[in-house]
C-alpha atoms as a PDB file:
ATOM      1  CA  GLN A   1     -75.358-165.164   0.274  1.00  0.00           C
ATOM      2  CA  ILE A   2     -78.627-165.554   2.953  1.00  0.00           C
ATOM      3  CA  ILE A   3     -80.345-167.137  -0.431  1.00  0.00           C
ATOM      4  CA  ARG A   4     -77.535-169.204  -1.301  1.00  0.00           C
ATOM      5  CA  ALA A   5     -76.813-170.250   2.163  1.00  0.00           C
ATOM      6  CA  GLU A   6     -80.332-171.230   3.018  1.00  0.00           C
ATOM      7  CA  ALA A   7     -82.377-171.708  -0.538  1.00  0.00           C
ATOM      8  CA  PRO A   8     -85.090-172.246  -0.814  1.00  0.00           C
ATOM      9  CA  VAL A   9     -85.870-169.125   1.572  1.00  0.00           C
ATOM     10  CA  HIS A  10     -89.476-167.308   2.073  1.00  0.00           C
ATOM     11  CA  GLN A  11     -88.849-163.703   1.362  1.00  0.00           C
ATOM     12  CA  GLY A  12     -90.372-163.016   4.733  1.00  0.00           C
ATOM     13  CA  ALA A  13     -87.423-165.313   6.688  1.00  0.00           C
ATOM     14  CA  VAL A  14     -85.028-162.825   4.222  1.00  0.00           C
ATOM     15  CA  PHE A  15     -86.687-159.795   5.796  1.00  0.00           C
ATOM     16  CA  GLU A  16     -86.966-161.125   9.373  1.00  0.00           C
ATOM     17  CA  ARG A  17     -83.027-162.439   8.952  1.00  0.00           C
ATOM     18  CA  ALA A  18     -82.262-158.334   7.996  1.00  0.00           C
ATOM     19  CA  ARG A  19     -84.603-156.950  10.600  1.00  0.00           C
ATOM     20  CA  LEU A  20     -82.703-159.168  13.346  1.00  0.00           C
ATOM     21  CA  LEU A  21     -79.193-158.452  11.915  1.00  0.00           C
ATOM     22  CA  LEU A  22     -80.386-154.300  11.970  1.00  0.00           C
ATOM     23  CA  GLY A  23     -81.467-154.676  15.486  1.00  0.00           C
ATOM     24  CA  GLN A  24     -84.999-153.367  14.870  1.00  0.00           C
ATOM     25  CA  GLN A  25     -88.705-154.509  16.498  1.00  0.00           C
ATOM     26  CA  ALA A  26     -89.740-153.906  13.363  1.00  0.00           C
ATOM     27  CA  LEU A  27     -88.672-152.741   9.452  1.00  0.00           C
ATOM     28  CA  SER A  28     -89.808-149.482   8.626  1.00  0.00           C
ATOM     29  CA  ALA A  29     -91.502-149.022   5.143  1.00  0.00           C
ATOM     30  CA  GLU A  30     -88.018-147.534   3.899  1.00  0.00           C
ATOM     31  CA  ASP A  31     -86.083-150.573   5.503  1.00  0.00           C
ATOM     32  CA  ARG A  32     -88.553-152.941   3.537  1.00  0.00           C
ATOM     33  CA  ARG A  33     -88.348-150.729  -0.042  1.00  0.00           C
ATOM     34  CA  ALA A  34     -84.316-151.173   0.608  1.00  0.00           C
ATOM     35  CA  LEU A  35     -84.822-155.014   0.648  1.00  0.00           C
ATOM     36  CA  GLU A  36     -87.138-155.210  -2.105  1.00  0.00           C
ATOM     37  CA  GLN A  37     -84.822-153.012  -4.127  1.00  0.00           C
ATOM     38  CA  ALA A  38     -81.680-155.375  -2.919  1.00  0.00           C
ATOM     39  CA  LEU A  39     -83.418-158.656  -3.764  1.00  0.00           C
ATOM     40  CA  ALA A  40     -84.271-157.330  -7.204  1.00  0.00           C
ATOM     41  CA  LEU A  41     -80.541-156.041  -7.981  1.00  0.00           C
ATOM     42  CA  ALA A  42     -79.689-159.704  -6.442  1.00  0.00           C
ATOM     43  CA  SER A  43     -81.853-161.504  -9.111  1.00  0.00           C
ATOM     44  CA  ARG A  44     -80.164-159.526 -11.958  1.00  0.00           C
ATOM     45  CA  LEU A  45     -76.473-160.046 -10.808  1.00  0.00           C
ATOM     46  CA  GLU A  46     -76.002-162.499  -8.527  1.00  0.00           C
ATOM     47  CA  GLY A  47     -77.919-165.289  -9.802  1.00  0.00           C
ATOM     48  CA  VAL A  48     -81.147-166.081  -7.308  1.00  0.00           C
ATOM     49  CA  VAL A  49     -84.757-166.246  -8.659  1.00  0.00           C
ATOM     50  CA  GLU A  50     -87.886-165.294  -6.936  1.00  0.00           C
ATOM     51  CA  GLN A  51     -90.933-168.011  -7.523  1.00  0.00           C
ATOM     52  CA  GLY A  52     -93.883-167.410  -5.456  1.00  0.00           C
ATOM     53  CA  GLY A  53     -92.519-165.805  -2.610  1.00  0.00           C
ATOM     54  CA  VAL A  54     -89.522-167.968  -2.486  1.00  0.00           C
ATOM     55  CA  TRP A  55     -86.146-167.176  -3.375  1.00  0.00           C
ATOM     56  CA  TRP A  56     -83.746-169.851  -4.963  1.00  0.00           C
ATOM     57  CA  ALA A  57     -80.081-169.732  -5.861  1.00  0.00           C
ATOM     58  CA  GLU A  58     -80.195-169.943  -9.612  1.00  0.00           C
ATOM     59  CA  ASP A  59     -78.629-173.341 -10.271  1.00  0.00           C
ATOM     60  CA  ALA A  60     -80.907-174.980  -8.071  1.00  0.00           C
ATOM     61  CA  VAL A  61     -84.359-173.899  -8.603  1.00  0.00           C
ATOM     62  CA  GLY A  62     -86.465-177.159  -7.738  1.00  0.00           C
ATOM     63  CA  VAL A  63     -83.555-178.557  -5.697  1.00  0.00           C
ATOM     64  CA  VAL A  64     -84.661-179.270  -1.980  1.00  0.00           C
ATOM     65  CA  VAL A  65     -83.359-180.891   0.690  1.00  0.00           C
ATOM     66  CA  PRO A  66     -85.647-180.892   3.672  1.00  0.00           C
ATOM     67  CA  ARG A  67     -83.876-178.991   6.965  1.00  0.00           C
ATOM     68  CA  ASP A  68     -84.353-180.098  10.631  1.00  0.00           C
ATOM     69  CA  ARG A  69     -84.899-176.681  12.190  1.00  0.00           C
ATOM     70  CA  ARG A  70     -84.229-177.656  16.010  1.00  0.00           C
ATOM     71  CA  GLY A  71     -82.315-175.137  17.239  1.00  0.00           C
ATOM     72  CA  ALA A  72     -83.109-172.725  13.987  1.00  0.00           C
ATOM     73  CA  ALA A  73     -83.876-169.038  15.030  1.00  0.00           C
ATOM     74  CA  ALA A  74     -87.406-168.602  15.752  1.00  0.00           C
ATOM     75  CA  HIS A  75     -88.367-167.354  12.344  1.00  0.00           C
ATOM     76  CA  LEU A  76     -87.531-170.120  10.521  1.00  0.00           C
ATOM     77  CA  LEU A  77     -90.282-172.085  12.563  1.00  0.00           C
ATOM     78  CA  ARG A  78     -92.951-169.868  11.461  1.00  0.00           C
ATOM     79  CA  PRO A  79     -95.028-172.101   9.393  1.00  0.00           C
ATOM     80  CA  ALA A  80     -96.054-169.066   7.061  1.00  0.00           C
ATOM     81  CA  PHE A  81     -91.991-168.845   6.241  1.00  0.00           C
ATOM     82  CA  LEU A  82     -91.864-172.704   5.183  1.00  0.00           C
ATOM     83  CA  PRO A  83     -91.539-173.085   1.470  1.00  0.00           C
ATOM     84  CA  ALA A  84     -94.225-175.690   0.095  1.00  0.00           C
ATOM     85  CA  GLU A  85     -91.513-177.354  -1.729  1.00  0.00           C
ATOM     86  CA  GLU A  86     -89.650-178.310   1.539  1.00  0.00           C
ATOM     87  CA  VAL A  87     -92.551-179.938   3.121  1.00  0.00           C
ATOM     88  CA  ALA A  88     -93.528-181.704  -0.226  1.00  0.00           C
ATOM     89  CA  GLU A  89     -90.355-183.021  -0.389  1.00  0.00           C
ATOM     90  CA  ALA A  90     -90.166-184.392   3.147  1.00  0.00           C
ATOM     91  CA  ALA A  91     -93.801-185.798   2.947  1.00  0.00           C
ATOM     92  CA  ARG A  92     -92.198-188.085  -0.610  1.00  0.00           C
ATOM     93  CA  ARG A  93     -89.173-188.756   1.464  1.00  0.00           C
ATOM     94  CA  LEU A  94     -90.923-190.272   4.293  1.00  0.00           C
ATOM     95  CA  LEU A  95     -93.243-192.145   2.002  1.00  0.00           C
ATOM     96  CA  ALA A  96     -90.830-193.469   0.216  1.00  0.00           C
ATOM     97  CA  ARG A  97     -89.473-194.971   3.264  1.00  0.00           C
ATOM     98  CA  SER A  98     -93.041-195.602   5.001  1.00  0.00           C
ATOM     99  CA  PRO A  99     -95.473-196.053   2.399  1.00  0.00           C
ATOM    100  CA  ARG A 100     -98.107-197.388   5.362  1.00  0.00           C
ATOM    101  CA  LEU A 101     -98.258-194.032   6.757  1.00  0.00           C
ATOM    102  CA  THR A 102    -101.415-192.295   7.384  1.00  0.00           C
ATOM    103  CA  GLU A 103    -102.567-188.799   6.318  1.00  0.00           C
ATOM    104  CA  ALA A 104    -102.367-188.189  10.306  1.00  0.00           C
ATOM    105  CA  GLU A 105     -99.185-189.442  10.692  1.00  0.00           C
ATOM    106  CA  LEU A 106     -97.634-188.079   7.509  1.00  0.00           C
ATOM    107  CA  VAL A 107     -98.148-184.647   9.106  1.00  0.00           C
ATOM    108  CA  ARG A 108     -96.801-185.214  12.643  1.00  0.00           C
ATOM    109  CA  GLU A 109     -93.814-187.136  11.033  1.00  0.00           C
ATOM    110  CA  VAL A 110     -93.191-184.114   8.487  1.00  0.00           C
ATOM    111  CA  ALA A 111     -93.572-181.594  11.219  1.00  0.00           C
ATOM    112  CA  ALA A 112     -90.950-183.956  13.360  1.00  0.00           C
ATOM    113  CA  ALA A 113     -88.338-184.215  10.057  1.00  0.00           C
ATOM    114  CA  LEU A 114     -88.709-180.502   9.663  1.00  0.00           C
ATOM    115  CA  GLY A 115     -87.629-179.740  13.531  1.00  0.00           C
ATOM    116  CA  LEU A 116     -90.981-177.762  13.514  1.00  0.00           C
ATOM    117  CA  PRO A 117     -93.224-177.426  17.011  1.00  0.00           C
ATOM    118  CA  ALA A 118     -96.550-179.087  17.388  1.00  0.00           C
ATOM    119  CA  THR A 119     -98.188-175.855  16.738  1.00  0.00           C
ATOM    120  CA  ALA A 120     -97.446-175.943  13.173  1.00  0.00           C
ATOM    121  CA  GLU A 121     -99.030-179.202  12.501  1.00  0.00           C
ATOM    122  CA  ALA A 122    -102.198-177.632  11.120  1.00  0.00           C
ATOM    123  CA  ALA A 123    -100.125-175.437   8.570  1.00  0.00           C
ATOM    124  CA  ILE A 124     -98.277-178.414   7.678  1.00  0.00           C
ATOM    125  CA  ALA A 125    -101.739-180.876   7.112  1.00  0.00           C
ATOM    126  CA  ALA A 126    -103.162-178.256   4.929  1.00  0.00           C
ATOM    127  CA  ARG A 127    -100.089-178.314   2.756  1.00  0.00           C
ATOM    128  CA  VAL A 128    -100.332-182.474   2.785  1.00  0.00           C
ATOM    129  CA  ALA A 129    -104.079-182.260   2.151  1.00  0.00           C
ATOM    130  CA  ALA A 130    -103.234-180.292  -0.459  1.00  0.00           C
ATOM    131  CA  LEU A 131    -100.522-182.557  -1.922  1.00  0.00           C
ATOM    132  CA  VAL A 132    -102.990-185.457  -1.886  1.00  0.00           C
ATOM    133  CA  GLY A 133    -105.336-183.679  -3.371  1.00  0.00           C
ATOM    134  CA  ALA A 134    -103.625-182.737  -6.227  1.00  0.00           C
ATOM    135  CA  GLY A 135    -102.548-186.430  -6.553  1.00  0.00           C
ATOM    136  CA  GLU A 136     -98.791-185.600  -5.740  1.00  0.00           C
ATOM    137  CA  ILE A 137     -98.760-188.053  -2.910  1.00  0.00           C
ATOM    138  CA  ARG A 138    -100.864-191.020  -1.604  1.00  0.00           C
ATOM    139  CA  PRO A 139    -100.575-191.866   2.401  1.00  0.00           C
ATOM    140  CA  ALA A 140    -102.174-195.021   3.409  1.00  0.00           C
ATOM    141  CA  GLY A 141    -105.492-195.235   4.236  1.00  0.00           C
END
């Protein structure tokens, strides 16, 4: 249910959610194995799929709606848990509305649109640079 509600969702975020639900300081190796088995079972029975460490509802793979994380749990603010597809979609939408944004401005705008703290901008900058390098987006300047 977590995956269907929050997809795309990074596997680390799923594990962190489970840790919080279990009320533990850290997941044991046994808990991690159990969660990995549960995810494998869900992929066979519940219509969820994993691609590059990110989980999707099977009928919505590739469908990304950037989410504002202001007020979200702290683990959802970690840049490492942010699906690259969500950063890419936020960047595309922002450039469609404001095509004159420079790369630096785009980074700030993506972080703001996703409700991320300024400390996440370095990770966002790396993802935006990869999108620019791949020719997927073209900021001004």
